Structures are given as C-alpha cells and as structure tokens.
Amino acid sequence: PVLAMAAFSAWRGHGDLALAAALGAGLVNLTLGLGVCALYGPLQPAALAINAPAMLVFALALYPMLRSDACLTSSEGGTLLAAWGIYLAWQVFLAAPA
C-alpha cells in the first residue's frame, strides 16, 4: 500500500509526500523487522556488517539527487531501482546454499 501511495503521490506531483511515505515505511519496516528478528534470536553480525553499509550507501547516493533540485528525475529513480535490484540479487546469491 505504501508503494502505491508513493507512486500515486509522485504521479500527482506531490514528490515530498511520496518521499516521506517511502522513507517512513522503510524506517518502520527496518526497525520493526530488526526488532522482531532480535526477539526470535540473536542477529548475526555478518548480516549487519553487509546490510548497514549498503543502507548508508543508498542514503548517501539519494542525498545529492534530492539536494540538487529537490526533485528526483526518472533517470535517477531508475538508477536507484537498478541498484536496489542488483543489491537484492546479490543478497539472494549470498543466501543460496553452496
């Protein structure tokens, strides 16, 4: 639902609402996801060592894109989407049994 709301907001020209929805949902999912996983069992330091720097890289890549004109272009969005797809494929590759 948040993805649909963010896409609809961006389509209607409310980029600030789309960004707030995406970042807010990401933050809530991250904190709840880590919290629930930590309740189930201890978190593996190796997983945090890979994912935490990846989140930092994505945040640092997004900052200049939004800072330049406070508008994310289609090419910048496509670049972020492609980078996320590569990151997701890499995570699947790492999780595959040897």
N, C-alpha and C. Protein backbone atom coordinates (compact mmCIF):
# COMPACT_ATOMS: atom_id res chain seq x y z
N PRO A 1 0.80 -1.21 0.00
CA PRO A 1 0.00 0.00 0.00
C PRO A 1 0.85 1.27 0.00
N VAL A 2 1.97 1.24 0.68
CA VAL A 2 2.81 2.43 0.72
C VAL A 2 3.42 2.69 -0.64
N LEU A 3 3.82 1.64 -1.34
CA LEU A 3 4.37 1.81 -2.68
C LEU A 3 3.33 2.41 -3.61
N ALA A 4 2.10 1.94 -3.52
CA ALA A 4 1.04 2.50 -4.36
C ALA A 4 0.78 3.96 -4.01
N MET A 5 0.77 4.28 -2.72
CA MET A 5 0.56 5.67 -2.31
C MET A 5 1.71 6.56 -2.77
N ALA A 6 2.93 6.08 -2.65
CA ALA A 6 4.09 6.86 -3.08
C ALA A 6 4.05 7.08 -4.59
N ALA A 7 3.72 6.04 -5.35
CA ALA A 7 3.64 6.18 -6.80
C ALA A 7 2.52 7.14 -7.20
N PHE A 8 1.38 7.02 -6.56
CA PHE A 8 0.26 7.91 -6.88
C PHE A 8 0.58 9.35 -6.50
N SER A 9 1.23 9.53 -5.36
CA SER A 9 1.61 10.88 -4.93
C SER A 9 2.61 11.49 -5.90
N ALA A 10 3.57 10.72 -6.34
CA ALA A 10 4.55 11.22 -7.30
C ALA A 10 3.88 11.55 -8.62
N TRP A 11 2.95 10.71 -9.04
CA TRP A 11 2.23 10.94 -10.30
C TRP A 11 1.41 12.22 -10.23
N ARG A 12 0.86 12.53 -9.05
CA ARG A 12 0.05 13.73 -8.87
C ARG A 12 0.91 14.97 -8.61
N GLY A 13 2.23 14.81 -8.57
CA GLY A 13 3.11 15.95 -8.39
C GLY A 13 3.44 16.28 -6.95
N HIS A 14 3.17 15.36 -6.04
CA HIS A 14 3.48 15.56 -4.62
C HIS A 14 4.68 14.70 -4.26
N GLY A 15 5.83 15.08 -4.78
CA GLY A 15 7.05 14.31 -4.54
C GLY A 15 7.44 14.26 -3.09
N ASP A 16 7.17 15.34 -2.33
CA ASP A 16 7.51 15.34 -0.92
C ASP A 16 6.72 14.29 -0.14
N LEU A 17 5.46 14.11 -0.48
CA LEU A 17 4.64 13.09 0.17
C LEU A 17 5.11 11.68 -0.23
N ALA A 18 5.48 11.52 -1.49
CA ALA A 18 5.98 10.22 -1.95
C ALA A 18 7.28 9.86 -1.23
N LEU A 19 8.17 10.83 -1.10
CA LEU A 19 9.44 10.58 -0.41
C LEU A 19 9.20 10.28 1.07
N ALA A 20 8.33 11.05 1.71
CA ALA A 20 8.04 10.82 3.13
C ALA A 20 7.42 9.44 3.35
N ALA A 21 6.54 9.03 2.45
CA ALA A 21 5.92 7.70 2.58
C ALA A 21 6.95 6.60 2.42
N ALA A 22 7.81 6.74 1.42
CA ALA A 22 8.82 5.71 1.17
C ALA A 22 9.84 5.64 2.31
N LEU A 23 10.33 6.79 2.75
CA LEU A 23 11.32 6.78 3.83
C LEU A 23 10.70 6.36 5.16
N GLY A 24 9.49 6.82 5.43
CA GLY A 24 8.82 6.44 6.67
C GLY A 24 8.55 4.95 6.72
N ALA A 25 8.05 4.41 5.64
CA ALA A 25 7.78 2.97 5.60
C ALA A 25 9.07 2.17 5.71
N GLY A 26 10.11 2.64 5.07
CA GLY A 26 11.40 1.96 5.16
C GLY A 26 11.94 1.96 6.58
N LEU A 27 11.82 3.09 7.25
CA LEU A 27 12.30 3.18 8.62
C LEU A 27 11.49 2.29 9.56
N VAL A 28 10.18 2.30 9.41
CA VAL A 28 9.33 1.46 10.25
C VAL A 28 9.60 -0.02 9.98
N ASN A 29 9.69 -0.39 8.71
CA ASN A 29 9.96 -1.79 8.38
C ASN A 29 11.33 -2.23 8.89
N LEU A 30 12.31 -1.34 8.79
CA LEU A 30 13.65 -1.68 9.27
C LEU A 30 13.65 -1.89 10.77
N THR A 31 13.09 -0.95 11.52
CA THR A 31 13.12 -1.07 12.97
C THR A 31 12.25 -2.22 13.47
N LEU A 32 11.05 -2.38 12.90
CA LEU A 32 10.21 -3.50 13.32
C LEU A 32 10.81 -4.83 12.89
N GLY A 33 11.35 -4.87 11.67
CA GLY A 33 11.96 -6.11 11.19
C GLY A 33 13.14 -6.53 12.03
N LEU A 34 14.02 -5.60 12.34
CA LEU A 34 15.17 -5.94 13.18
C LEU A 34 14.73 -6.29 14.60
N GLY A 35 13.73 -5.58 15.10
CA GLY A 35 13.24 -5.86 16.45
C GLY A 35 12.64 -7.24 16.56
N VAL A 36 11.80 -7.62 15.61
CA VAL A 36 11.17 -8.94 15.63
C VAL A 36 12.22 -10.03 15.45
N CYS A 37 13.15 -9.81 14.54
CA CYS A 37 14.22 -10.80 14.35
C CYS A 37 15.08 -10.94 15.60
N ALA A 38 15.35 -9.84 16.28
CA ALA A 38 16.14 -9.90 17.51
C ALA A 38 15.38 -10.60 18.63
N LEU A 39 14.05 -10.49 18.64
CA LEU A 39 13.26 -11.21 19.64
C LEU A 39 13.31 -12.71 19.38
N TYR A 40 13.35 -13.10 18.12
CA TYR A 40 13.37 -14.51 17.76
C TYR A 40 14.72 -15.15 18.08
N GLY A 41 15.78 -14.44 17.84
CA GLY A 41 17.12 -14.96 18.09
C GLY A 41 18.15 -13.87 17.87
N PRO A 42 19.37 -14.11 18.28
CA PRO A 42 20.40 -13.09 18.12
C PRO A 42 20.67 -12.80 16.64
N LEU A 43 20.94 -11.54 16.36
CA LEU A 43 21.25 -11.13 15.00
C LEU A 43 22.70 -11.49 14.68
N GLN A 44 22.92 -11.94 13.48
CA GLN A 44 24.26 -12.29 13.04
C GLN A 44 25.04 -11.02 12.70
N PRO A 45 26.21 -10.83 13.28
CA PRO A 45 26.99 -9.63 12.98
C PRO A 45 27.37 -9.53 11.50
N ALA A 46 27.56 -10.67 10.83
CA ALA A 46 27.92 -10.62 9.41
C ALA A 46 26.80 -10.01 8.58
N ALA A 47 25.55 -10.31 8.91
CA ALA A 47 24.43 -9.75 8.17
C ALA A 47 24.35 -8.24 8.37
N LEU A 48 24.58 -7.79 9.59
CA LEU A 48 24.57 -6.36 9.85
C LEU A 48 25.76 -5.67 9.20
N ALA A 49 26.89 -6.36 9.11
CA ALA A 49 28.08 -5.77 8.50
C ALA A 49 27.89 -5.56 7.01
N ILE A 50 27.02 -6.32 6.38
CA ILE A 50 26.76 -6.16 4.95
C ILE A 50 25.62 -5.17 4.72
N ASN A 51 24.54 -5.31 5.45
CA ASN A 51 23.34 -4.51 5.18
C ASN A 51 23.43 -3.08 5.68
N ALA A 52 24.05 -2.85 6.82
CA ALA A 52 24.15 -1.48 7.33
C ALA A 52 24.96 -0.58 6.40
N PRO A 53 26.12 -1.01 5.91
CA PRO A 53 26.83 -0.16 4.96
C PRO A 53 26.07 0.04 3.64
N ALA A 54 25.32 -0.98 3.22
CA ALA A 54 24.53 -0.84 2.00
C ALA A 54 23.45 0.22 2.17
N MET A 55 22.80 0.24 3.33
CA MET A 55 21.79 1.27 3.59
C MET A 55 22.42 2.65 3.61
N LEU A 56 23.62 2.76 4.17
CA LEU A 56 24.31 4.04 4.21
C LEU A 56 24.67 4.51 2.80
N VAL A 57 25.12 3.58 1.96
CA VAL A 57 25.47 3.93 0.58
C VAL A 57 24.24 4.42 -0.17
N PHE A 58 23.11 3.75 -0.02
CA PHE A 58 21.88 4.19 -0.69
C PHE A 58 21.45 5.57 -0.20
N ALA A 59 21.55 5.81 1.11
CA ALA A 59 21.18 7.12 1.65
C ALA A 59 22.11 8.20 1.14
N LEU A 60 23.40 7.91 1.10
CA LEU A 60 24.35 8.90 0.60
C LEU A 60 24.18 9.15 -0.89
N ALA A 61 23.75 8.14 -1.63
CA ALA A 61 23.50 8.33 -3.07
C ALA A 61 22.23 9.14 -3.30
N LEU A 62 21.25 8.97 -2.45
CA LEU A 62 19.99 9.69 -2.60
C LEU A 62 20.12 11.17 -2.23
N TYR A 63 20.96 11.48 -1.26
CA TYR A 63 21.06 12.84 -0.77
C TYR A 63 21.43 13.85 -1.87
N PRO A 64 22.48 13.66 -2.66
CA PRO A 64 22.77 14.67 -3.69
C PRO A 64 21.71 14.71 -4.79
N MET A 65 21.05 13.61 -5.02
CA MET A 65 19.99 13.61 -6.03
C MET A 65 18.85 14.53 -5.62
N LEU A 66 18.50 14.51 -4.36
CA LEU A 66 17.41 15.35 -3.87
C LEU A 66 17.90 16.76 -3.53
N ARG A 67 19.15 16.90 -3.20
CA ARG A 67 19.70 18.20 -2.81
C ARG A 67 19.83 19.14 -4.01
N SER A 68 20.09 18.59 -5.18
CA SER A 68 20.35 19.43 -6.36
C SER A 68 19.15 20.30 -6.71
N ASP A 69 17.98 19.71 -6.86
CA ASP A 69 16.80 20.49 -7.21
C ASP A 69 15.55 20.01 -6.48
N ALA A 70 15.73 19.22 -5.45
CA ALA A 70 14.63 18.68 -4.65
C ALA A 70 13.64 17.90 -5.49
N CYS A 71 14.11 17.34 -6.58
CA CYS A 71 13.25 16.57 -7.48
C CYS A 71 14.04 15.37 -7.98
N LEU A 72 13.46 14.22 -7.88
CA LEU A 72 14.10 13.00 -8.35
C LEU A 72 13.63 12.75 -9.77
N THR A 73 14.57 12.75 -10.72
CA THR A 73 14.21 12.54 -12.11
C THR A 73 13.98 11.06 -12.39
N SER A 74 13.44 10.78 -13.55
CA SER A 74 13.19 9.38 -13.93
C SER A 74 14.49 8.60 -14.03
N SER A 75 15.53 9.22 -14.56
CA SER A 75 16.81 8.51 -14.68
C SER A 75 17.42 8.25 -13.31
N GLU A 76 17.29 9.19 -12.39
CA GLU A 76 17.81 8.97 -11.04
C GLU A 76 17.00 7.87 -10.33
N GLY A 77 15.69 7.89 -10.50
CA GLY A 77 14.86 6.85 -9.92
C GLY A 77 15.18 5.49 -10.52
N GLY A 78 15.39 5.46 -11.84
CA GLY A 78 15.77 4.21 -12.49
C GLY A 78 17.11 3.70 -12.02
N THR A 79 18.05 4.62 -11.79
CA THR A 79 19.36 4.23 -11.27
C THR A 79 19.24 3.63 -9.88
N LEU A 80 18.44 4.26 -9.02
CA LEU A 80 18.24 3.71 -7.68
C LEU A 80 17.53 2.36 -7.73
N LEU A 81 16.55 2.23 -8.62
CA LEU A 81 15.83 0.97 -8.75
C LEU A 81 16.75 -0.14 -9.26
N ALA A 82 17.59 0.18 -10.23
CA ALA A 82 18.55 -0.81 -10.75
C ALA A 82 19.55 -1.21 -9.67
N ALA A 83 20.03 -0.23 -8.90
CA ALA A 83 20.98 -0.53 -7.82
C ALA A 83 20.32 -1.41 -6.77
N TRP A 84 19.06 -1.13 -6.45
CA TRP A 84 18.34 -1.97 -5.49
C TRP A 84 18.18 -3.39 -6.04
N GLY A 85 17.87 -3.53 -7.32
CA GLY A 85 17.74 -4.85 -7.93
C GLY A 85 19.05 -5.62 -7.87
N ILE A 86 20.16 -4.95 -8.12
CA ILE A 86 21.47 -5.60 -8.04
C ILE A 86 21.75 -6.02 -6.60
N TYR A 87 21.45 -5.14 -5.66
CA TYR A 87 21.65 -5.46 -4.24
C TYR A 87 20.79 -6.66 -3.83
N LEU A 88 19.54 -6.69 -4.27
CA LEU A 88 18.65 -7.79 -3.94
C LEU A 88 19.16 -9.10 -4.55
N ALA A 89 19.60 -9.06 -5.80
CA ALA A 89 20.14 -10.26 -6.44
C ALA A 89 21.39 -10.74 -5.71
N TRP A 90 22.21 -9.80 -5.26
CA TRP A 90 23.41 -10.15 -4.51
C TRP A 90 23.04 -10.84 -3.21
N GLN A 91 22.01 -10.34 -2.52
CA GLN A 91 21.56 -10.95 -1.27
C GLN A 91 21.03 -12.36 -1.51
N VAL A 92 20.30 -12.56 -2.59
CA VAL A 92 19.80 -13.89 -2.93
C VAL A 92 20.97 -14.83 -3.23
N PHE A 93 21.97 -14.31 -3.94
CA PHE A 93 23.16 -15.11 -4.26
C PHE A 93 23.89 -15.52 -2.99
N LEU A 94 24.02 -14.58 -2.04
CA LEU A 94 24.71 -14.90 -0.79
C LEU A 94 23.93 -15.90 0.06
N ALA A 95 22.61 -15.87 -0.04
CA ALA A 95 21.78 -16.76 0.78
C ALA A 95 21.63 -18.16 0.16
N ALA A 96 21.99 -18.30 -1.10
CA ALA A 96 21.84 -19.60 -1.77
C ALA A 96 22.79 -20.62 -1.14
N PRO A 97 22.30 -21.84 -0.98
CA PRO A 97 23.16 -22.86 -0.40
C PRO A 97 24.32 -23.19 -1.33
N ALA A 98 25.46 -23.46 -0.74
CA ALA A 98 26.67 -23.72 -1.53
C ALA A 98 26.69 -25.11 -2.13
